[in-house]
Amino acid sequence: MEEVDKDIIAQINANKCMFQMPSKQKSDEFIDDMFRFLFPVVSGVEQGHYAAELALLRLKGKMQELFLPIRDQFDIGCSRATESFFDALPEVHIKLMKDAQAIFDGDPAAKHIEEVILAYPGFYAIYVYRLAHQLYNCEVPIVPRLFSEYAHSKTGIDIHPGANIGEYFCIDHGTGIVVGETTDIGDHVKLYQGVTLGALSVSKDMATKKRHPTIEDNVIIYSGTTVLGGETVIGANSIIGGNVWLTESVHKDATVYNQSTVSVRKKKTAI
């Protein structure tokens, strides 16, 4: 048994990653701490000015600590990346409040905007995306994906941090949504559960090219729909029905739906 244990340890050591990795636990903790900081309603405790400043300093320290293992893997550096992230935080918060408003306005079941912030997985996934996207734009490696995978594990919604998403973004229900790295989404877009905005090709030589669709302003995409390809554009003000498969562009103001066939069975007459 001891020999087997030694063999396992030897294999693990032999397969150690060439690069240092940030702590997943610290990444998850940072996301949760930031959520409580940005939205005091989560903890139910309103912070005074001094307490808020102290919390902000702690969050900056936690982010720098998170970056330490990968400090040699990106050009901007730990301090500049941290400052850039926190400088953008007021704008990120404004966008998140617009997202919460869009979800509230679009869901008759929502009674308060605080309910959206506290309890809606779609809002939480958008929150994590907006943090991750900010780091992605600073070319910070690994950490943005750790952020997005934490949200994925909690909500079933997979938004790549590289996607570009406009304001008033609404996710309804959300489970099973996939948004690829080079997706462009405009303002006032609403996605339902099971929507995939994906690539036609998963070849590695496509890594630096636009592989995912563009969704223009004021588009609604209903559940179970798949839209694929970097050249595919869903025009503004379009409605895409459920269970549609699209690999070609749709002009603006269009309605696309999957037509079902319904047949009524005749009752057999007893003999």
C-alpha atoms as a PDB file:
ATOM      1  CA  MET A   1       0.000   0.000   0.000  1.00  0.00           C
ATOM      2  CA  GLU A   2       2.872   2.356   0.861  1.00  0.00           C
ATOM      3  CA  GLU A   3       4.511   1.691  -2.507  1.00  0.00           C
ATOM      4  CA  VAL A   4       1.247   2.508  -4.303  1.00  0.00           C
ATOM      5  CA  ASP A   5       0.992   5.781  -2.368  1.00  0.00           C
ATOM      6  CA  LYS A   6       4.548   6.677  -3.333  1.00  0.00           C
ATOM      7  CA  ASP A   7       3.800   5.927  -6.990  1.00  0.00           C
ATOM      8  CA  ILE A   8       0.744   8.204  -6.944  1.00  0.00           C
ATOM      9  CA  ILE A   9       2.714  11.042  -5.317  1.00  0.00           C
ATOM     10  CA  ALA A  10       5.550  10.568  -7.829  1.00  0.00           C
ATOM     11  CA  GLN A  11       3.079  10.775 -10.744  1.00  0.00           C
ATOM     12  CA  ILE A  12       1.479  13.916  -9.309  1.00  0.00           C
ATOM     13  CA  ASN A  13       4.874  15.577  -8.893  1.00  0.00           C
ATOM     14  CA  ALA A  14       5.922  14.560 -12.410  1.00  0.00           C
ATOM     15  CA  ASN A  15       2.754  16.098 -13.868  1.00  0.00           C
ATOM     16  CA  LYS A  16       2.918  19.398 -11.984  1.00  0.00           C
ATOM     17  CA  CYS A  17       1.924  22.368 -14.111  1.00  0.00           C
ATOM     18  CA  MET A  18       4.772  24.415 -15.612  1.00  0.00           C
ATOM     19  CA  PHE A  19       3.103  27.609 -14.389  1.00  0.00           C
ATOM     20  CA  GLN A  20       1.995  28.672 -10.940  1.00  0.00           C
ATOM     21  CA  MET A  21      -1.777  28.899 -10.608  1.00  0.00           C
ATOM     22  CA  PRO A  22      -3.885  31.289  -8.503  1.00  0.00           C
ATOM     23  CA  SER A  23      -5.902  29.830  -5.634  1.00  0.00           C
ATOM     24  CA  LYS A  24      -9.416  28.798  -6.654  1.00  0.00           C
ATOM     25  CA  GLN A  25     -10.563  29.127  -3.044  1.00  0.00           C
ATOM     26  CA  LYS A  26      -9.272  32.710  -2.817  1.00  0.00           C
ATOM     27  CA  SER A  27     -10.878  33.498  -6.170  1.00  0.00           C
ATOM     28  CA  ASP A  28     -14.287  32.233  -4.968  1.00  0.00           C
ATOM     29  CA  GLU A  29     -13.950  34.135  -1.683  1.00  0.00           C
ATOM     30  CA  PHE A  30     -13.112  37.358  -3.517  1.00  0.00           C
ATOM     31  CA  ILE A  31     -16.247  37.095  -5.674  1.00  0.00           C
ATOM     32  CA  ASP A  32     -18.467  36.548  -2.634  1.00  0.00           C
ATOM     33  CA  ASP A  33     -16.802  39.338  -0.648  1.00  0.00           C
ATOM     34  CA  MET A  34     -17.154  41.744  -3.576  1.00  0.00           C
ATOM     35  CA  PHE A  35     -20.844  40.833  -3.957  1.00  0.00           C
ATOM     36  CA  ARG A  36     -21.478  41.718  -0.311  1.00  0.00           C
ATOM     37  CA  PHE A  37     -19.526  44.970  -0.731  1.00  0.00           C
ATOM     38  CA  LEU A  38     -21.352  46.119  -3.872  1.00  0.00           C
ATOM     39  CA  PHE A  39     -24.776  45.027  -2.640  1.00  0.00           C
ATOM     40  CA  PRO A  40     -25.131  45.486   1.140  1.00  0.00           C
ATOM     41  CA  VAL A  41     -28.664  44.077   0.908  1.00  0.00           C
ATOM     42  CA  VAL A  42     -27.012  40.639   0.610  1.00  0.00           C
ATOM     43  CA  SER A  43     -25.621  40.784   4.151  1.00  0.00           C
ATOM     44  CA  GLY A  44     -28.465  42.902   5.514  1.00  0.00           C
ATOM     45  CA  VAL A  45     -25.963  45.318   7.091  1.00  0.00           C
ATOM     46  CA  GLU A  46     -25.518  48.886   5.841  1.00  0.00           C
ATOM     47  CA  GLN A  47     -21.876  49.960   6.083  1.00  0.00           C
ATOM     48  CA  GLY A  48     -20.819  53.417   7.201  1.00  0.00           C
ATOM     49  CA  HIS A  49     -18.266  55.402   5.190  1.00  0.00           C
ATOM     50  CA  TYR A  50     -15.283  54.308   7.296  1.00  0.00           C
ATOM     51  CA  ALA A  51     -16.295  50.630   7.274  1.00  0.00           C
ATOM     52  CA  ALA A  52     -16.787  50.755   3.504  1.00  0.00           C
ATOM     53  CA  GLU A  53     -13.327  52.255   2.986  1.00  0.00           C
ATOM     54  CA  LEU A  54     -11.820  49.534   5.167  1.00  0.00           C
ATOM     55  CA  ALA A  55     -13.681  46.827   3.228  1.00  0.00           C
ATOM     56  CA  LEU A  56     -12.416  48.303  -0.044  1.00  0.00           C
ATOM     57  CA  LEU A  57      -8.803  48.217   1.179  1.00  0.00           C
ATOM     58  CA  ARG A  58      -9.227  44.575   2.203  1.00  0.00           C
ATOM     59  CA  LEU A  59     -10.635  43.692  -1.220  1.00  0.00           C
ATOM     60  CA  LYS A  60      -7.690  45.354  -2.957  1.00  0.00           C
ATOM     61  CA  GLY A  61      -5.311  43.367  -0.778  1.00  0.00           C
ATOM     62  CA  LYS A  62      -7.167  40.132  -1.553  1.00  0.00           C
ATOM     63  CA  MET A  63      -6.973  40.791  -5.274  1.00  0.00           C
ATOM     64  CA  GLN A  64      -3.235  41.438  -5.144  1.00  0.00           C
ATOM     65  CA  GLU A  65      -2.816  38.247  -3.122  1.00  0.00           C
ATOM     66  CA  LEU A  66      -4.826  36.372  -5.754  1.00  0.00           C
ATOM     67  CA  PHE A  67      -2.519  37.710  -8.494  1.00  0.00           C
ATOM     68  CA  LEU A  68       0.766  36.898  -6.709  1.00  0.00           C
ATOM     69  CA  PRO A  69       1.313  33.348  -8.070  1.00  0.00           C
ATOM     70  CA  ILE A  70       0.854  34.613 -11.656  1.00  0.00           C
ATOM     71  CA  ARG A  71       2.608  37.969 -11.273  1.00  0.00           C
ATOM     72  CA  ASP A  72       5.191  37.086 -13.961  1.00  0.00           C
ATOM     73  CA  GLN A  73       2.606  35.881 -16.463  1.00  0.00           C
ATOM     74  CA  PHE A  74       1.050  39.208 -17.501  1.00  0.00           C
ATOM     75  CA  ASP A  75       2.544  42.530 -18.574  1.00  0.00           C
ATOM     76  CA  ILE A  76       0.431  45.043 -16.690  1.00  0.00           C
ATOM     77  CA  GLY A  77       1.527  43.759 -13.252  1.00  0.00           C
ATOM     78  CA  CYS A  78      -0.396  43.074 -10.030  1.00  0.00           C
ATOM     79  CA  SER A  79      -0.630  46.656  -8.759  1.00  0.00           C
ATOM     80  CA  ARG A  80      -1.699  48.230 -12.046  1.00  0.00           C
ATOM     81  CA  ALA A  81      -4.208  45.463 -12.767  1.00  0.00           C
ATOM     82  CA  THR A  82      -5.707  45.917  -9.293  1.00  0.00           C
ATOM     83  CA  GLU A  83      -5.925  49.705  -9.627  1.00  0.00           C
ATOM     84  CA  SER A  84      -7.427  49.433 -13.117  1.00  0.00           C
ATOM     85  CA  PHE A  85     -10.046  46.977 -11.838  1.00  0.00           C
ATOM     86  CA  PHE A  86     -11.066  49.132  -8.866  1.00  0.00           C
ATOM     87  CA  ASP A  87     -11.026  52.354 -10.930  1.00  0.00           C
ATOM     88  CA  ALA A  88     -13.649  50.741 -13.187  1.00  0.00           C
ATOM     89  CA  LEU A  89     -15.754  49.469 -10.272  1.00  0.00           C
ATOM     90  CA  PRO A  90     -18.173  52.458 -10.062  1.00  0.00           C
ATOM     91  CA  GLU A  91     -19.008  52.062 -13.776  1.00  0.00           C
ATOM     92  CA  VAL A  92     -19.365  48.284 -13.361  1.00  0.00           C
ATOM     93  CA  HIS A  93     -21.768  48.852 -10.460  1.00  0.00           C
ATOM     94  CA  ILE A  94     -23.895  51.229 -12.565  1.00  0.00           C
ATOM     95  CA  LYS A  95     -24.088  48.613 -15.343  1.00  0.00           C
ATOM     96  CA  LEU A  96     -25.080  45.931 -12.849  1.00  0.00           C
ATOM     97  CA  MET A  97     -27.900  48.057 -11.489  1.00  0.00           C
ATOM     98  CA  LYS A  98     -29.140  48.507 -15.070  1.00  0.00           C
ATOM     99  CA  ASP A  99     -28.982  44.720 -15.525  1.00  0.00           C
ATOM    100  CA  ALA A 100     -30.969  44.219 -12.309  1.00  0.00           C
ATOM    101  CA  GLN A 101     -33.529  46.744 -13.545  1.00  0.00           C
ATOM    102  CA  ALA A 102     -33.833  44.927 -16.892  1.00  0.00           C
ATOM    103  CA  ILE A 103     -34.455  41.605 -15.137  1.00  0.00           C
ATOM    104  CA  PHE A 104     -36.974  43.217 -12.767  1.00  0.00           C
ATOM    105  CA  ASP A 105     -38.834  44.938 -15.628  1.00  0.00           C
ATOM    106  CA  GLY A 106     -38.907  41.738 -17.663  1.00  0.00           C
ATOM    107  CA  ASP A 107     -40.194  39.376 -14.978  1.00  0.00           C
ATOM    108  CA  PRO A 108     -43.744  39.852 -13.665  1.00  0.00           C
ATOM    109  CA  ALA A 109     -42.895  37.476 -10.781  1.00  0.00           C
ATOM    110  CA  ALA A 110     -40.255  39.865  -9.378  1.00  0.00           C
ATOM    111  CA  LYS A 111     -41.666  42.047  -6.604  1.00  0.00           C
ATOM    112  CA  HIS A 112     -38.590  44.121  -5.747  1.00  0.00           C
ATOM    113  CA  ILE A 113     -35.268  44.877  -7.421  1.00  0.00           C
ATOM    114  CA  GLU A 114     -33.582  43.679  -4.198  1.00  0.00           C
ATOM    115  CA  GLU A 115     -35.180  40.274  -4.816  1.00  0.00           C
ATOM    116  CA  VAL A 116     -33.429  40.154  -8.217  1.00  0.00           C
ATOM    117  CA  ILE A 117     -30.057  40.939  -6.613  1.00  0.00           C
ATOM    118  CA  LEU A 118     -30.508  38.472  -3.765  1.00  0.00           C
ATOM    119  CA  ALA A 119     -32.163  35.519  -5.447  1.00  0.00           C
ATOM    120  CA  TYR A 120     -31.888  35.520  -9.246  1.00  0.00           C
ATOM    121  CA  PRO A 121     -29.146  33.272 -10.705  1.00  0.00           C
ATOM    122  CA  GLY A 122     -29.223  35.241 -13.960  1.00  0.00           C
ATOM    123  CA  PHE A 123     -28.219  38.420 -12.155  1.00  0.00           C
ATOM    124  CA  TYR A 124     -25.469  36.626 -10.223  1.00  0.00           C
ATOM    125  CA  ALA A 125     -24.001  35.201 -13.451  1.00  0.00           C
ATOM    126  CA  ILE A 126     -24.032  38.673 -15.040  1.00  0.00           C
ATOM    127  CA  TYR A 127     -22.394  40.145 -11.926  1.00  0.00           C
ATOM    128  CA  VAL A 128     -19.519  37.660 -12.091  1.00  0.00           C
ATOM    129  CA  TYR A 129     -19.201  38.130 -15.860  1.00  0.00           C
ATOM    130  CA  ARG A 130     -18.790  41.903 -15.486  1.00  0.00           C
ATOM    131  CA  LEU A 131     -15.996  41.440 -12.928  1.00  0.00           C
ATOM    132  CA  ALA A 132     -14.296  38.768 -15.039  1.00  0.00           C
ATOM    133  CA  HIS A 133     -14.592  40.843 -18.222  1.00  0.00           C
ATOM    134  CA  GLN A 134     -12.823  43.762 -16.553  1.00  0.00           C
ATOM    135  CA  LEU A 135      -9.849  41.526 -15.699  1.00  0.00           C
ATOM    136  CA  TYR A 136      -9.952  39.933 -19.162  1.00  0.00           C
ATOM    137  CA  ASN A 137      -9.580  43.393 -20.711  1.00  0.00           C
ATOM    138  CA  CYS A 138      -6.469  43.908 -18.561  1.00  0.00           C
ATOM    139  CA  GLU A 139      -5.113  40.634 -20.035  1.00  0.00           C
ATOM    140  CA  VAL A 140      -4.927  39.030 -16.594  1.00  0.00           C
ATOM    141  CA  PRO A 141      -4.551  35.265 -17.205  1.00  0.00           C
ATOM    142  CA  ILE A 142      -6.480  32.411 -15.531  1.00  0.00           C
ATOM    143  CA  VAL A 143      -8.356  34.500 -12.928  1.00  0.00           C
ATOM    144  CA  PRO A 144     -11.193  35.634 -15.258  1.00  0.00           C
ATOM    145  CA  ARG A 145     -11.883  31.970 -16.094  1.00  0.00           C
ATOM    146  CA  LEU A 146     -11.841  31.030 -12.415  1.00  0.00           C
ATOM    147  CA  PHE A 147     -14.434  33.747 -11.845  1.00  0.00           C
ATOM    148  CA  SER A 148     -16.687  32.590 -14.689  1.00  0.00           C
ATOM    149  CA  GLU A 149     -16.442  28.924 -13.707  1.00  0.00           C
ATOM    150  CA  TYR A 150     -17.464  29.777 -10.138  1.00  0.00           C
ATOM    151  CA  ALA A 151     -20.620  31.416 -11.488  1.00  0.00           C
ATOM    152  CA  HIS A 152     -21.119  28.453 -13.836  1.00  0.00           C
ATOM    153  CA  SER A 153     -20.941  25.995 -10.930  1.00  0.00           C
ATOM    154  CA  LYS A 154     -23.462  28.003  -8.889  1.00  0.00           C
ATOM    155  CA  THR A 155     -25.963  28.930 -11.618  1.00  0.00           C
ATOM    156  CA  GLY A 156     -25.523  26.587 -14.594  1.00  0.00           C
ATOM    157  CA  ILE A 157     -24.865  29.691 -16.747  1.00  0.00           C
ATOM    158  CA  ASP A 158     -21.567  29.737 -18.677  1.00  0.00           C
ATOM    159  CA  ILE A 159     -20.510  33.204 -19.894  1.00  0.00           C
ATOM    160  CA  HIS A 160     -16.957  33.499 -21.182  1.00  0.00           C
ATOM    161  CA  PRO A 161     -15.246  36.598 -19.742  1.00  0.00           C
ATOM    162  CA  GLY A 162     -14.141  37.632 -23.247  1.00  0.00           C
ATOM    163  CA  ALA A 163     -17.703  38.169 -24.502  1.00  0.00           C
ATOM    164  CA  ASN A 164     -18.757  41.791 -25.060  1.00  0.00           C
ATOM    165  CA  ILE A 165     -22.163  42.449 -23.484  1.00  0.00           C
ATOM    166  CA  GLY A 166     -24.005  45.772 -23.531  1.00  0.00           C
ATOM    167  CA  GLU A 167     -26.258  47.406 -20.950  1.00  0.00           C
ATOM    168  CA  TYR A 168     -29.611  46.253 -19.545  1.00  0.00           C
ATOM    169  CA  PHE A 169     -28.747  42.584 -20.124  1.00  0.00           C
ATOM    170  CA  CYS A 170     -31.496  40.237 -18.957  1.00  0.00           C
ATOM    171  CA  ILE A 171     -31.192  36.511 -18.277  1.00  0.00           C
ATOM    172  CA  ASP A 172     -34.502  34.828 -17.422  1.00  0.00           C
ATOM    173  CA  HIS A 173     -34.220  31.522 -15.504  1.00  0.00           C
ATOM    174  CA  GLY A 174     -30.847  30.979 -17.152  1.00  0.00           C
ATOM    175  CA  THR A 175     -29.863  27.352 -16.543  1.00  0.00           C
ATOM    176  CA  GLY A 176     -27.950  25.948 -19.511  1.00  0.00           C
ATOM    177  CA  ILE A 177     -27.088  29.267 -21.167  1.00  0.00           C
ATOM    178  CA  VAL A 178     -23.694  29.292 -22.940  1.00  0.00           C
ATOM    179  CA  VAL A 179     -22.111  32.504 -24.263  1.00  0.00           C
ATOM    180  CA  GLY A 180     -18.826  32.050 -26.134  1.00  0.00           C
ATOM    181  CA  GLU A 181     -15.660  34.118 -25.959  1.00  0.00           C
ATOM    182  CA  THR A 182     -16.083  36.271 -29.092  1.00  0.00           C
ATOM    183  CA  THR A 183     -19.830  36.841 -28.751  1.00  0.00           C
ATOM    184  CA  ASP A 184     -21.011  40.448 -29.113  1.00  0.00           C
ATOM    185  CA  ILE A 185     -24.310  41.326 -27.411  1.00  0.00           C
ATOM    186  CA  GLY A 186     -25.941  44.753 -27.681  1.00  0.00           C
ATOM    187  CA  ASP A 187     -28.168  46.660 -25.243  1.00  0.00           C
ATOM    188  CA  HIS A 188     -31.545  45.461 -23.928  1.00  0.00           C
ATOM    189  CA  VAL A 189     -31.015  41.822 -24.933  1.00  0.00           C
ATOM    190  CA  LYS A 190     -32.931  39.038 -23.172  1.00  0.00           C
ATOM    191  CA  LEU A 191     -31.907  35.377 -23.097  1.00  0.00           C
ATOM    192  CA  TYR A 192     -33.958  32.486 -21.750  1.00  0.00           C
ATOM    193  CA  GLN A 193     -32.704  29.175 -20.376  1.00  0.00           C
ATOM    194  CA  GLY A 194     -30.844  26.750 -22.626  1.00  0.00           C
ATOM    195  CA  VAL A 195     -29.685  29.338 -25.190  1.00  0.00           C
ATOM    196  CA  THR A 196     -26.293  28.676 -26.801  1.00  0.00           C
ATOM    197  CA  LEU A 197     -24.324  31.431 -28.535  1.00  0.00           C
ATOM    198  CA  GLY A 198     -21.537  29.265 -29.850  1.00  0.00           C
ATOM    199  CA  ALA A 199     -18.968  28.549 -32.567  1.00  0.00           C
ATOM    200  CA  LEU A 200     -19.357  26.585 -35.789  1.00  0.00           C
ATOM    201  CA  SER A 201     -15.777  25.349 -35.499  1.00  0.00           C
ATOM    202  CA  VAL A 202     -13.764  24.413 -32.426  1.00  0.00           C
ATOM    203  CA  SER A 203     -10.456  24.142 -34.299  1.00  0.00           C
ATOM    204  CA  LYS A 204      -7.449  25.608 -32.442  1.00  0.00           C
ATOM    205  CA  ASP A 205      -6.394  27.636 -35.482  1.00  0.00           C
ATOM    206  CA  MET A 206      -9.602  29.680 -35.005  1.00  0.00           C
ATOM    207  CA  ALA A 207      -8.509  30.817 -31.522  1.00  0.00           C
ATOM    208  CA  THR A 208      -7.717  34.417 -32.537  1.00  0.00           C
ATOM    209  CA  LYS A 209     -10.706  34.829 -34.885  1.00  0.00           C
ATOM    210  CA  LYS A 210     -14.336  35.773 -34.233  1.00  0.00           C
ATOM    211  CA  ARG A 211     -16.084  32.438 -33.790  1.00  0.00           C
ATOM    212  CA  HIS A 212     -19.314  33.411 -32.034  1.00  0.00           C
ATOM    213  CA  PRO A 213     -22.396  35.371 -33.143  1.00  0.00           C
ATOM    214  CA  THR A 214     -23.338  39.030 -32.838  1.00  0.00           C
ATOM    215  CA  ILE A 215     -26.671  39.841 -31.175  1.00  0.00           C
ATOM    216  CA  GLU A 216     -27.806  43.402 -31.836  1.00  0.00           C
ATOM    217  CA  ASP A 217     -29.933  45.666 -29.588  1.00  0.00           C
ATOM    218  CA  ASN A 218     -33.407  44.751 -28.289  1.00  0.00           C
ATOM    219  CA  VAL A 219     -33.279  41.068 -29.235  1.00  0.00           C
ATOM    220  CA  ILE A 220     -35.145  38.310 -27.362  1.00  0.00           C
ATOM    221  CA  ILE A 221     -33.965  34.699 -27.707  1.00  0.00           C
ATOM    222  CA  TYR A 222     -36.256  32.070 -26.219  1.00  0.00           C
ATOM    223  CA  SER A 223     -35.315  28.802 -24.521  1.00  0.00           C
ATOM    224  CA  GLY A 224     -33.421  25.988 -26.187  1.00  0.00           C
ATOM    225  CA  THR A 225     -32.223  28.039 -29.163  1.00  0.00           C
ATOM    226  CA  THR A 226     -28.736  27.662 -30.638  1.00  0.00           C
ATOM    227  CA  VAL A 227     -27.034  30.437 -32.633  1.00  0.00           C
ATOM    228  CA  LEU A 228     -23.636  29.563 -34.109  1.00  0.00           C
ATOM    229  CA  GLY A 229     -20.842  31.215 -36.071  1.00  0.00           C
ATOM    230  CA  GLY A 230     -18.735  34.353 -36.069  1.00  0.00           C
ATOM    231  CA  GLU A 231     -20.436  35.752 -39.159  1.00  0.00           C
ATOM    232  CA  THR A 232     -23.952  35.162 -37.835  1.00  0.00           C
ATOM    233  CA  VAL A 233     -25.731  38.398 -36.888  1.00  0.00           C
ATOM    234  CA  ILE A 234     -29.147  38.601 -35.236  1.00  0.00           C
ATOM    235  CA  GLY A 235     -30.528  41.980 -36.295  1.00  0.00           C
ATOM    236  CA  ALA A 236     -31.911  44.545 -33.863  1.00  0.00           C
ATOM    237  CA  ASN A 237     -35.452  44.173 -32.499  1.00  0.00           C
ATOM    238  CA  SER A 238     -35.681  40.525 -33.581  1.00  0.00           C
ATOM    239  CA  ILE A 239     -37.453  37.756 -31.699  1.00  0.00           C
ATOM    240  CA  ILE A 240     -36.024  34.248 -31.956  1.00  0.00           C
ATOM    241  CA  GLY A 241     -38.440  31.564 -30.772  1.00  0.00           C
ATOM    242  CA  GLY A 242     -37.635  28.448 -28.771  1.00  0.00           C
ATOM    243  CA  ASN A 243     -35.709  25.436 -30.081  1.00  0.00           C
ATOM    244  CA  VAL A 244     -34.449  27.249 -33.192  1.00  0.00           C
ATOM    245  CA  TRP A 245     -31.088  26.321 -34.802  1.00  0.00           C
ATOM    246  CA  LEU A 246     -29.414  29.280 -36.565  1.00  0.00           C
ATOM    247  CA  THR A 247     -26.145  29.424 -38.496  1.00  0.00           C
ATOM    248  CA  GLU A 248     -27.152  32.279 -40.816  1.00  0.00           C
ATOM    249  CA  SER A 249     -27.808  35.946 -40.137  1.00  0.00           C
ATOM    250  CA  VAL A 250     -31.289  37.333 -39.454  1.00  0.00           C
ATOM    251  CA  HIS A 251     -32.244  40.850 -40.577  1.00  0.00           C
ATOM    252  CA  LYS A 252     -33.537  43.400 -38.068  1.00  0.00           C
ATOM    253  CA  ASP A 253     -37.174  43.341 -36.871  1.00  0.00           C
ATOM    254  CA  ALA A 254     -37.450  39.636 -37.761  1.00  0.00           C
ATOM    255  CA  THR A 255     -39.394  36.894 -36.001  1.00  0.00           C
ATOM    256  CA  VAL A 256     -37.954  33.387 -36.286  1.00  0.00           C
ATOM    257  CA  TYR A 257     -39.671  30.355 -34.862  1.00  0.00           C
ATOM    258  CA  ASN A 258     -39.647  26.578 -35.064  1.00  0.00           C
ATOM    259  CA  GLN A 259     -43.020  25.411 -36.358  1.00  0.00           C
ATOM    260  CA  SER A 260     -44.405  22.367 -34.572  1.00  0.00           C
ATOM    261  CA  THR A 261     -46.720  19.846 -36.158  1.00  0.00           C
ATOM    262  CA  VAL A 262     -49.694  18.822 -34.044  1.00  0.00           C
ATOM    263  CA  SER A 263     -51.804  15.791 -34.903  1.00  0.00           C
ATOM    264  CA  VAL A 264     -54.827  14.535 -32.957  1.00  0.00           C
ATOM    265  CA  ARG A 265     -55.078  10.799 -32.496  1.00  0.00           C
ATOM    266  CA  LYS A 266     -58.443   9.313 -33.266  1.00  0.00           C
ATOM    267  CA  LYS A 267     -59.971   7.130 -30.591  1.00  0.00           C
ATOM    268  CA  LYS A 268     -60.269   3.527 -31.588  1.00  0.00           C
ATOM    269  CA  THR A 269     -63.858   2.319 -31.526  1.00  0.00           C
ATOM    270  CA  ALA A 270     -64.314  -0.780 -29.384  1.00  0.00           C
ATOM    271  CA  ILE A 271     -65.652  -3.769 -31.321  1.00  0.00           C
END
